[in-house]
């Protein structure tokens, strides 16, 4: 059977199954650019909802105008007209911030998700859906493999929690782009292609060109279930073998199977959080720390802004006392200090956040918790210290640890591990996905 004949049934059936996976009725925000993938997603969801009888779901749509091309505003108006013909509420949001001279695609992606989250809140949507396809997945996996992250180490998840507040769902990850285009053609619906999708300056475009016409087996083997099982194993390692004191220092066993993949994942996640980084340390950094941990002698090593303090009682990880800046906050403001702590100023005056230094209350608390005095003293050098500009006692400030690798983008298959890390650092668990099949998958 030709793709044109298969497409309507396959695409709409995928949309129908996606809707049936929700735990309760909700409003869905479709991120729609006017390209084939997102147009097919909106149309298929619309058809599935129309055919379902009593309305349990409603759709809204949002187009992000990145303001990178003169024609982008007209394209957004065309998308709004398409949504209007379907009776779907549509908004256009524009990225008006200054554009960087390098890393434009990464910056646009970051801005896009922030604007979509704002639109979801404005439209009272319970989730965001995007039209990512199997083609996008193959490209992503190959790019991550070539960056040394291992086979399929960072393929896209079917669901990703953005900014700890809203889930981004990808219902078409197992469908090929050609099938979606055949579906649209069968409905006499056109689309337009962003010229940047043909610009070989971008890594994804080069990867797409390389994969064109070749089977995806060279990027196969990625399995979300395996990643989920590993996440559960890492959470078990963290719960049984790691203690975190005051969100500042992690205490690990002296002898651990550090080259085991789950122990290694636990270690690199802790390094990222304690170092205030959003990304996991490089492969070279990880190998250097594993070599150090494998040595019998005590000592200290600094890697990824984190001190590895190896003693007879165990290994202690804490932030090195370098590169610590000052954060100033007006009344009512919030900010991120050192990439590690979100500080909210609930008082009436200005405050500043700096490193505590030696001899402060945090050092005494760490010693009282049973940490070696040397470890407590070095840890306190990078502990947050709040003071007010007017000399008054600071009583209305909250300080919450930031889980850098997961607080902005948390793939569903890493949520069990992320919840384990959050618990160690005294944080609440992350928001669960709104679809029951993902929840079931994560408990396997």
Protein backbone atom coordinates (compact mmCIF):
# COMPACT_ATOMS: atom_id res chain seq x y z
CA UNK A 1 0.00 0.00 0.00
CA UNK A 2 1.34 3.44 -0.90
CA UNK A 3 2.37 5.89 1.81
CA UNK A 4 -0.44 8.23 0.74
CA UNK A 5 -2.99 5.49 1.47
CA UNK A 6 -1.40 4.43 4.75
CA UNK A 7 -0.81 7.92 6.10
CA UNK A 8 -4.30 9.06 7.18
CA UNK A 9 -4.97 5.96 9.24
CA UNK A 10 -1.47 5.72 10.75
CA UNK A 11 -1.16 9.40 11.66
CA UNK A 12 -4.66 9.90 13.06
CA UNK A 13 -4.49 6.58 14.92
CA UNK A 14 -1.24 7.69 16.55
CA UNK A 15 -2.96 10.92 17.62
CA UNK A 16 -5.93 8.95 18.97
CA UNK A 17 -3.69 6.63 21.03
CA UNK A 18 -1.86 9.66 22.37
CA UNK A 19 -5.09 11.23 23.59
CA UNK A 20 -6.15 7.97 25.23
CA UNK A 21 -2.96 7.96 27.33
CA UNK A 22 -3.95 11.05 29.34
CA UNK A 23 -5.05 10.56 32.91
CA UNK A 24 -7.72 13.25 32.62
CA UNK A 25 -9.13 15.69 30.07
CA UNK A 26 -6.96 18.69 29.42
CA UNK A 27 -6.25 21.59 27.11
CA UNK A 28 -3.30 20.87 24.84
CA UNK A 29 -1.05 23.57 23.41
CA UNK A 30 0.38 22.61 20.01
CA UNK A 31 3.65 24.28 19.07
CA UNK A 32 3.12 24.99 15.37
CA UNK A 33 5.62 26.59 13.03
CA UNK A 34 3.90 26.02 9.70
CA UNK A 35 6.26 23.20 8.75
CA UNK A 36 4.94 19.78 7.82
CA UNK A 37 5.56 18.09 11.18
CA UNK A 38 3.74 20.55 13.41
CA UNK A 39 0.91 21.12 10.92
CA UNK A 40 0.32 17.37 10.71
CA UNK A 41 0.33 17.16 14.50
CA UNK A 42 -2.30 19.85 14.92
CA UNK A 43 -4.51 18.49 12.14
CA UNK A 44 -4.30 14.88 13.36
CA UNK A 45 -5.11 15.84 16.95
CA UNK A 46 -8.00 17.95 15.70
CA UNK A 47 -9.40 15.04 13.66
CA UNK A 48 -8.95 12.60 16.54
CA UNK A 49 -10.79 14.91 18.95
CA UNK A 50 -13.58 15.58 16.44
CA UNK A 51 -14.12 11.83 15.98
CA UNK A 52 -14.10 11.03 19.69
CA UNK A 53 -17.65 12.16 20.41
CA UNK A 54 -17.98 14.02 23.75
CA UNK A 55 -15.22 16.59 23.97
CA UNK A 56 -12.72 15.61 26.65
CA UNK A 57 -9.87 17.61 25.12
CA UNK A 58 -9.44 21.03 23.61
CA UNK A 59 -6.66 22.39 21.46
CA UNK A 60 -4.83 25.67 21.37
CA UNK A 61 -1.82 26.56 19.26
CA UNK A 62 1.19 28.82 19.50
CA UNK A 63 3.64 29.99 16.85
CA UNK A 64 6.98 31.38 17.97
CA UNK A 65 8.22 34.05 15.59
CA UNK A 66 11.97 34.04 16.11
CA UNK A 67 12.30 37.27 14.09
CA UNK A 68 15.31 35.87 12.25
CA UNK A 69 13.86 36.24 8.72
CA UNK A 70 11.79 39.04 7.15
CA UNK A 71 9.08 36.61 6.03
CA UNK A 72 8.57 35.02 9.47
CA UNK A 73 5.75 37.39 10.46
CA UNK A 74 3.78 36.56 7.30
CA UNK A 75 4.31 32.86 7.92
CA UNK A 76 2.96 33.23 11.44
CA UNK A 77 -0.15 34.95 10.05
CA UNK A 78 -0.66 32.07 7.59
CA UNK A 79 -0.47 29.60 10.48
CA UNK A 80 -2.98 31.67 12.46
CA UNK A 81 -5.36 31.53 9.49
CA UNK A 82 -4.94 27.74 9.23
CA UNK A 83 -5.75 27.38 12.94
CA UNK A 84 -8.75 29.67 12.50
CA UNK A 85 -10.16 27.41 9.79
CA UNK A 86 -9.97 24.52 12.25
CA UNK A 87 -11.54 26.55 15.04
CA UNK A 88 -8.38 26.30 17.15
CA UNK A 89 -7.37 29.24 19.34
CA UNK A 90 -3.97 30.51 18.17
CA UNK A 91 -1.43 33.00 19.49
CA UNK A 92 1.83 34.24 18.03
CA UNK A 93 4.70 35.15 20.35
CA UNK A 94 7.83 36.90 19.15
CA UNK A 95 11.43 36.51 20.23
CA UNK A 96 12.49 40.13 20.47
CA UNK A 97 15.61 39.66 22.60
CA UNK A 98 19.01 40.51 21.10
CA UNK A 99 20.26 37.63 18.97
CA UNK A 100 23.68 36.11 19.72
CA UNK A 101 26.37 36.09 17.06
CA UNK A 102 27.14 32.42 17.72
CA UNK A 103 25.06 29.47 18.91
CA UNK A 104 21.93 30.92 17.38
CA UNK A 105 20.05 27.62 17.15
CA UNK A 106 20.67 26.74 20.80
CA UNK A 107 19.63 30.24 21.89
CA UNK A 108 16.51 30.08 19.72
CA UNK A 109 15.59 26.72 21.23
CA UNK A 110 15.96 28.07 24.76
CA UNK A 111 13.89 31.14 23.94
CA UNK A 112 11.26 29.06 22.13
CA UNK A 113 10.51 26.82 25.08
CA UNK A 114 10.34 29.76 27.45
CA UNK A 115 7.85 31.55 25.21
CA UNK A 116 5.80 28.39 24.71
CA UNK A 117 5.60 27.89 28.49
CA UNK A 118 4.37 31.46 28.89
CA UNK A 119 1.75 30.88 26.20
CA UNK A 120 0.64 27.65 27.87
CA UNK A 121 0.11 29.50 31.13
CA UNK A 122 -1.77 32.28 29.35
CA UNK A 123 -4.06 29.78 27.57
CA UNK A 124 -4.48 27.53 30.62
CA UNK A 125 -2.96 24.56 28.80
CA UNK A 126 -1.96 21.46 30.74
CA UNK A 127 0.88 20.46 28.42
CA UNK A 128 2.75 21.41 25.26
CA UNK A 129 3.05 19.06 22.29
CA UNK A 130 5.64 19.28 19.52
CA UNK A 131 5.88 17.58 16.12
CA UNK A 132 9.28 15.93 16.50
CA UNK A 133 9.54 12.82 14.34
CA UNK A 134 11.61 9.65 14.02
CA UNK A 135 13.82 11.58 11.60
CA UNK A 136 14.60 14.13 14.33
CA UNK A 137 15.30 11.30 16.75
CA UNK A 138 17.81 9.62 14.44
CA UNK A 139 19.62 12.92 13.95
CA UNK A 140 19.72 13.63 17.66
CA UNK A 141 21.09 10.22 18.57
CA UNK A 142 23.83 10.37 15.95
CA UNK A 143 24.90 13.87 17.04
CA UNK A 144 25.08 12.81 20.69
CA UNK A 145 27.06 9.69 19.84
CA UNK A 146 29.60 11.76 17.96
CA UNK A 147 30.01 14.05 20.93
CA UNK A 148 31.17 11.08 22.97
CA UNK A 149 28.01 10.57 25.01
CA UNK A 150 27.70 6.89 24.08
CA UNK A 151 25.16 5.05 21.92
CA UNK A 152 21.86 6.87 22.23
CA UNK A 153 22.94 8.60 25.40
CA UNK A 154 20.73 11.61 24.82
CA UNK A 155 18.01 10.78 22.37
CA UNK A 156 14.81 12.77 22.76
CA UNK A 157 12.32 11.51 25.32
CA UNK A 158 8.64 11.17 24.45
CA UNK A 159 8.07 13.59 27.34
CA UNK A 160 10.29 16.26 28.86
CA UNK A 161 9.52 18.45 31.85
CA UNK A 162 10.40 22.08 31.16
CA UNK A 163 11.37 24.46 33.95
CA UNK A 164 9.85 22.15 36.61
CA UNK A 165 6.38 23.36 35.59
CA UNK A 166 5.05 21.99 32.30
CA UNK A 167 5.51 18.80 30.30
CA UNK A 168 6.47 18.91 26.63
CA UNK A 169 5.14 15.79 24.87
CA UNK A 170 6.27 14.37 21.52
CA UNK A 171 3.57 11.98 20.24
CA UNK A 172 5.06 11.53 16.73
CA UNK A 173 8.57 10.38 17.67
CA UNK A 174 8.00 7.01 16.01
CA UNK A 175 6.55 8.38 12.75
CA UNK A 176 8.64 9.27 9.70
CA UNK A 177 8.40 12.74 8.24
CA UNK A 178 7.49 11.29 4.85
CA UNK A 179 4.37 9.72 6.35
CA UNK A 180 3.29 13.05 7.84
CA UNK A 181 3.77 14.83 4.52
CA UNK A 182 1.79 12.15 2.72
CA UNK A 183 -0.99 12.65 5.29
CA UNK A 184 -1.05 16.41 4.69
CA UNK A 185 -0.99 15.95 0.92
CA UNK A 186 -3.96 13.62 1.20
CA UNK A 187 -5.80 16.40 3.03
CA UNK A 188 -4.73 19.04 0.48
CA UNK A 189 -2.84 20.91 3.20
CA UNK A 190 0.42 22.60 2.30
CA UNK A 191 3.37 23.62 4.44
CA UNK A 192 6.53 25.66 4.16
CA UNK A 193 10.13 24.82 4.98
CA UNK A 194 12.40 27.05 7.03
CA UNK A 195 15.45 27.89 4.86
CA UNK A 196 17.70 27.25 7.87
CA UNK A 197 16.81 23.57 7.49
CA UNK A 198 19.02 23.54 4.39
CA UNK A 199 21.90 25.58 5.84
CA UNK A 200 24.90 23.28 6.19
CA UNK A 201 26.46 25.60 8.77
CA UNK A 202 24.27 23.87 11.34
CA UNK A 203 25.22 20.48 12.76
CA UNK A 204 21.70 19.08 12.56
CA UNK A 205 21.39 19.97 8.88
CA UNK A 206 24.68 18.25 8.09
CA UNK A 207 23.57 15.20 10.05
CA UNK A 208 20.22 15.17 8.25
CA UNK A 209 21.95 15.27 4.89
CA UNK A 210 24.17 12.38 5.91
CA UNK A 211 21.23 10.26 7.02
CA UNK A 212 19.16 10.99 3.89
CA UNK A 213 18.63 7.83 1.90
CA UNK A 214 20.46 5.61 4.39
CA UNK A 215 18.86 3.25 6.91
CA UNK A 216 18.80 4.49 10.50
CA UNK A 217 20.48 1.32 11.80
CA UNK A 218 23.74 3.19 12.29
CA UNK A 219 22.07 5.17 15.08
CA UNK A 220 19.88 2.38 16.42
CA UNK A 221 19.98 0.59 19.74
CA UNK A 222 18.63 3.48 21.77
CA UNK A 223 15.96 2.25 24.15
CA UNK A 224 13.99 4.51 26.50
CA UNK A 225 13.13 1.50 28.66
CA UNK A 226 16.81 0.72 29.20
CA UNK A 227 17.46 4.34 30.10
CA UNK A 228 14.53 4.25 32.53
CA UNK A 229 15.83 1.10 34.19
CA UNK A 230 19.24 2.71 34.53
CA UNK A 231 17.59 5.76 36.09
CA UNK A 232 15.96 3.54 38.70
CA UNK A 233 19.30 1.82 39.37
CA UNK A 234 21.03 5.17 39.83
CA UNK A 235 18.32 6.27 42.27
CA UNK A 236 18.99 3.10 44.27
CA UNK A 237 22.74 3.80 44.32
CA UNK A 238 22.10 7.33 45.54
CA UNK A 239 19.67 6.24 48.24
CA UNK A 240 21.89 3.46 49.60
CA UNK A 241 25.36 4.93 49.29
CA UNK A 242 25.25 8.75 49.22
CA UNK A 243 24.52 11.36 51.88
CA UNK A 244 24.25 15.07 51.13
CA UNK A 245 24.73 17.60 53.93
CA UNK A 246 22.98 20.99 53.75
CA UNK A 247 22.96 20.82 49.96
CA UNK A 248 26.69 21.57 50.06
CA UNK A 249 28.71 18.38 50.38
CA UNK A 250 28.13 14.80 49.24
CA UNK A 251 29.56 11.93 51.26
CA UNK A 252 30.35 8.78 49.24
CA UNK A 253 31.88 5.40 50.13
CA UNK A 254 35.65 5.15 49.81
CA UNK A 255 35.51 2.01 47.68
CA UNK A 256 32.78 1.85 45.08
CA UNK A 257 32.43 0.19 41.68
CA UNK A 258 32.91 3.55 40.00
CA UNK A 259 33.28 2.12 36.50
CA UNK A 260 29.84 0.52 36.77
CA UNK A 261 27.59 2.54 34.45
CA UNK A 262 24.99 3.34 37.13
CA UNK A 263 27.57 4.37 39.76
CA UNK A 264 29.24 6.49 37.11
CA UNK A 265 25.95 8.21 36.22
CA UNK A 266 25.30 8.90 39.90
CA UNK A 267 28.76 10.40 40.28
CA UNK A 268 28.61 12.70 37.26
CA UNK A 269 25.16 13.96 38.24
CA UNK A 270 26.40 14.86 41.73
CA UNK A 271 29.41 16.66 40.23
CA UNK A 272 27.15 18.74 37.99
CA UNK A 273 24.84 19.72 40.85
CA UNK A 274 27.58 20.52 43.37
CA UNK A 275 29.54 22.40 40.71
CA UNK A 276 26.55 24.50 39.71
CA UNK A 277 26.59 23.30 36.11
CA UNK A 278 23.65 22.63 33.81
CA UNK A 279 25.56 20.05 31.79
CA UNK A 280 27.26 16.85 32.88
CA UNK A 281 31.08 16.88 33.00
CA UNK A 282 33.03 15.92 29.91
CA UNK A 283 34.22 12.37 29.26
CA UNK A 284 37.81 13.47 29.90
CA UNK A 285 36.86 14.93 33.29
CA UNK A 286 34.98 11.78 34.24
CA UNK A 287 37.90 9.51 33.33
CA UNK A 288 40.30 11.66 35.34
CA UNK A 289 38.10 11.46 38.44
CA UNK A 290 37.58 7.71 38.06
CA UNK A 291 41.35 7.20 37.90
CA UNK A 292 41.74 9.26 41.07
CA UNK A 293 39.01 7.34 42.91
CA UNK A 294 40.65 4.07 41.92
CA UNK A 295 43.91 4.97 43.66
CA UNK A 296 44.50 3.69 47.17
CA UNK A 297 46.11 6.83 48.57
CA UNK A 298 44.07 9.64 50.17
CA UNK A 299 44.24 13.08 48.61
CA UNK A 300 42.29 15.80 46.83
CA UNK A 301 41.42 16.41 43.19
CA UNK A 302 39.47 19.27 41.65
CA UNK A 303 37.33 18.61 38.57
CA UNK A 304 34.27 20.37 37.22
CA UNK A 305 34.53 23.04 39.97
CA UNK A 306 34.16 20.24 42.54
CA UNK A 307 36.77 19.07 45.07
CA UNK A 308 37.09 15.30 45.49
CA UNK A 309 38.39 14.97 49.06
CA UNK A 310 39.37 11.34 49.62
CA UNK A 311 39.90 10.27 53.23
CA UNK A 312 39.91 7.04 55.20
CA UNK A 313 36.30 7.63 56.23
CA UNK A 314 35.04 8.17 52.67
CA UNK A 315 35.05 10.54 49.72
CA UNK A 316 33.61 14.04 50.11
CA UNK A 317 32.54 16.20 47.18
CA UNK A 318 32.08 19.96 47.56
CA UNK A 319 32.38 23.16 45.54
CA UNK A 320 35.88 24.57 45.17
CA UNK A 321 36.30 28.04 46.68
CA UNK A 322 37.10 29.84 43.42
CA UNK A 323 35.11 31.90 40.96
CA UNK A 324 32.40 32.75 43.49
CA UNK A 325 30.61 35.96 42.58
CA UNK A 326 28.19 38.22 44.45
CA UNK A 327 24.44 38.24 43.79
CA UNK A 328 22.44 41.38 44.65
CA UNK A 329 18.67 41.24 44.85
CA UNK A 330 16.07 43.95 45.34
CA UNK A 331 13.02 43.33 47.50
CA UNK A 332 10.75 40.74 45.94
CA UNK A 333 13.32 39.54 43.40
CA UNK A 334 14.83 36.11 42.89
CA UNK A 335 18.12 35.07 41.35
CA UNK A 336 20.56 32.23 40.88
CA UNK A 337 23.76 32.27 42.91
CA UNK A 338 26.76 30.33 41.62
CA UNK A 339 24.52 28.09 39.54
CA UNK A 340 23.72 26.14 42.72
CA UNK A 341 21.10 28.03 44.72
CA UNK A 342 17.93 29.91 43.81
CA UNK A 343 17.56 32.80 46.24
CA UNK A 344 14.23 34.59 46.84
CA UNK A 345 14.29 37.93 48.63
CA UNK A 346 10.97 38.15 50.44
CA UNK A 347 12.00 41.13 52.54
CA UNK A 348 11.65 44.87 52.04
CA UNK A 349 15.26 45.80 51.44
CA UNK A 350 18.10 44.86 49.14
CA UNK A 351 20.28 41.89 49.95
CA UNK A 352 23.55 40.44 48.70
CA UNK A 353 24.61 36.80 48.56
CA UNK A 354 28.30 35.94 48.86
CA UNK A 355 30.41 33.01 50.03
CA UNK A 356 30.37 32.47 53.80
CA UNK A 357 34.07 31.81 54.39
CA UNK A 358 35.66 30.12 57.37
CA UNK A 359 34.27 30.09 60.88
CA UNK A 360 30.67 30.77 59.99
CA UNK A 361 27.52 29.01 61.18
CA UNK A 362 27.45 26.63 58.21
CA UNK A 363 30.87 25.28 59.11
CA UNK A 364 29.73 24.61 62.66
CA UNK A 365 26.57 22.87 61.47
CA UNK A 366 28.57 20.60 59.17
CA UNK A 367 30.94 19.65 61.97
CA UNK A 368 27.96 18.95 64.22
CA UNK A 369 26.60 16.67 61.48
CA UNK A 370 29.73 14.54 61.80
CA UNK A 371 31.82 15.79 58.90
CA UNK A 372 35.60 16.04 59.37
CA UNK A 373 36.50 19.60 60.43
CA UNK A 374 38.76 20.04 57.39
CA UNK A 375 35.94 19.08 55.03
CA UNK A 376 33.48 21.32 56.87
CA UNK A 377 35.88 24.26 56.73
CA UNK A 378 36.59 23.94 53.01
CA UNK A 379 32.92 23.42 52.21
CA UNK A 380 31.96 26.56 54.13
CA UNK A 381 34.28 28.62 51.94
CA UNK A 382 31.73 28.20 49.12
CA UNK A 383 28.52 28.17 51.20
CA UNK A 384 25.98 30.95 50.51
CA UNK A 385 25.85 33.83 52.98
CA UNK A 386 23.08 36.44 52.90
CA UNK A 387 23.35 39.95 54.29
CA UNK A 388 21.14 43.01 53.96
CA UNK A 389 22.30 46.39 52.74
CA UNK A 390 20.84 48.17 55.77
CA UNK A 391 22.30 45.83 58.38
CA UNK A 392 18.97 44.42 59.48
CA UNK A 393 18.53 40.73 60.30
CA UNK A 394 17.68 38.81 57.12
CA UNK A 395 14.61 36.72 57.93
CA UNK A 396 12.58 36.66 54.72
CA UNK A 397 14.99 35.00 52.33
CA UNK A 398 14.62 31.46 51.02
CA UNK A 399 17.48 29.50 49.48
CA UNK A 400 16.71 26.40 47.42
CA UNK A 401 19.27 24.10 45.80
CA UNK A 402 19.17 23.99 42.01
CA UNK A 403 19.49 20.64 40.23
CA UNK A 404 21.30 22.06 37.22
CA UNK A 405 21.10 19.12 34.78
CA UNK A 406 17.34 18.65 35.21
CA UNK A 407 15.64 21.84 36.39
CA UNK A 408 15.30 23.23 32.86
CA UNK A 409 14.87 20.06 30.80
CA UNK A 410 14.09 16.74 32.50
CA UNK A 411 13.54 13.75 30.15
CA UNK A 412 10.87 11.42 31.48
CA UNK A 413 13.24 8.45 31.40
CA UNK A 414 15.53 10.24 33.90
CA UNK A 415 12.82 11.34 36.32
CA UNK A 416 13.35 8.54 38.85
CA UNK A 417 17.02 9.44 39.12
CA UNK A 418 16.25 13.16 39.23
CA UNK A 419 13.74 12.58 42.05
CA UNK A 420 16.45 10.72 43.96
CA UNK A 421 18.87 13.61 43.56
CA UNK A 422 16.20 16.13 44.52
CA UNK A 423 15.50 14.16 47.70
CA UNK A 424 19.17 14.13 48.65
CA UNK A 425 19.30 17.90 48.30
CA UNK A 426 16.11 18.48 50.28
CA UNK A 427 13.94 19.31 47.29
CA UNK A 428 10.45 18.16 46.38
CA UNK A 429 9.97 15.54 43.69
CA UNK A 430 9.46 16.69 40.13
CA UNK A 431 6.01 17.06 38.57
CA UNK A 432 4.89 13.67 37.14
CA UNK A 433 3.88 13.37 33.46
CA UNK A 434 0.18 13.80 32.65
CA UNK A 435 -0.02 10.58 30.61
CA UNK A 436 -0.44 7.18 32.25
CA UNK A 437 1.58 5.08 29.82
CA UNK A 438 4.69 7.06 30.66
CA UNK A 439 4.05 6.62 34.36
CA UNK A 440 3.62 2.87 33.84
CA UNK A 441 6.79 2.74 31.79
CA UNK A 442 8.78 4.47 34.47
CA UNK A 443 7.70 2.02 37.16
CA UNK A 444 8.86 -1.07 35.22
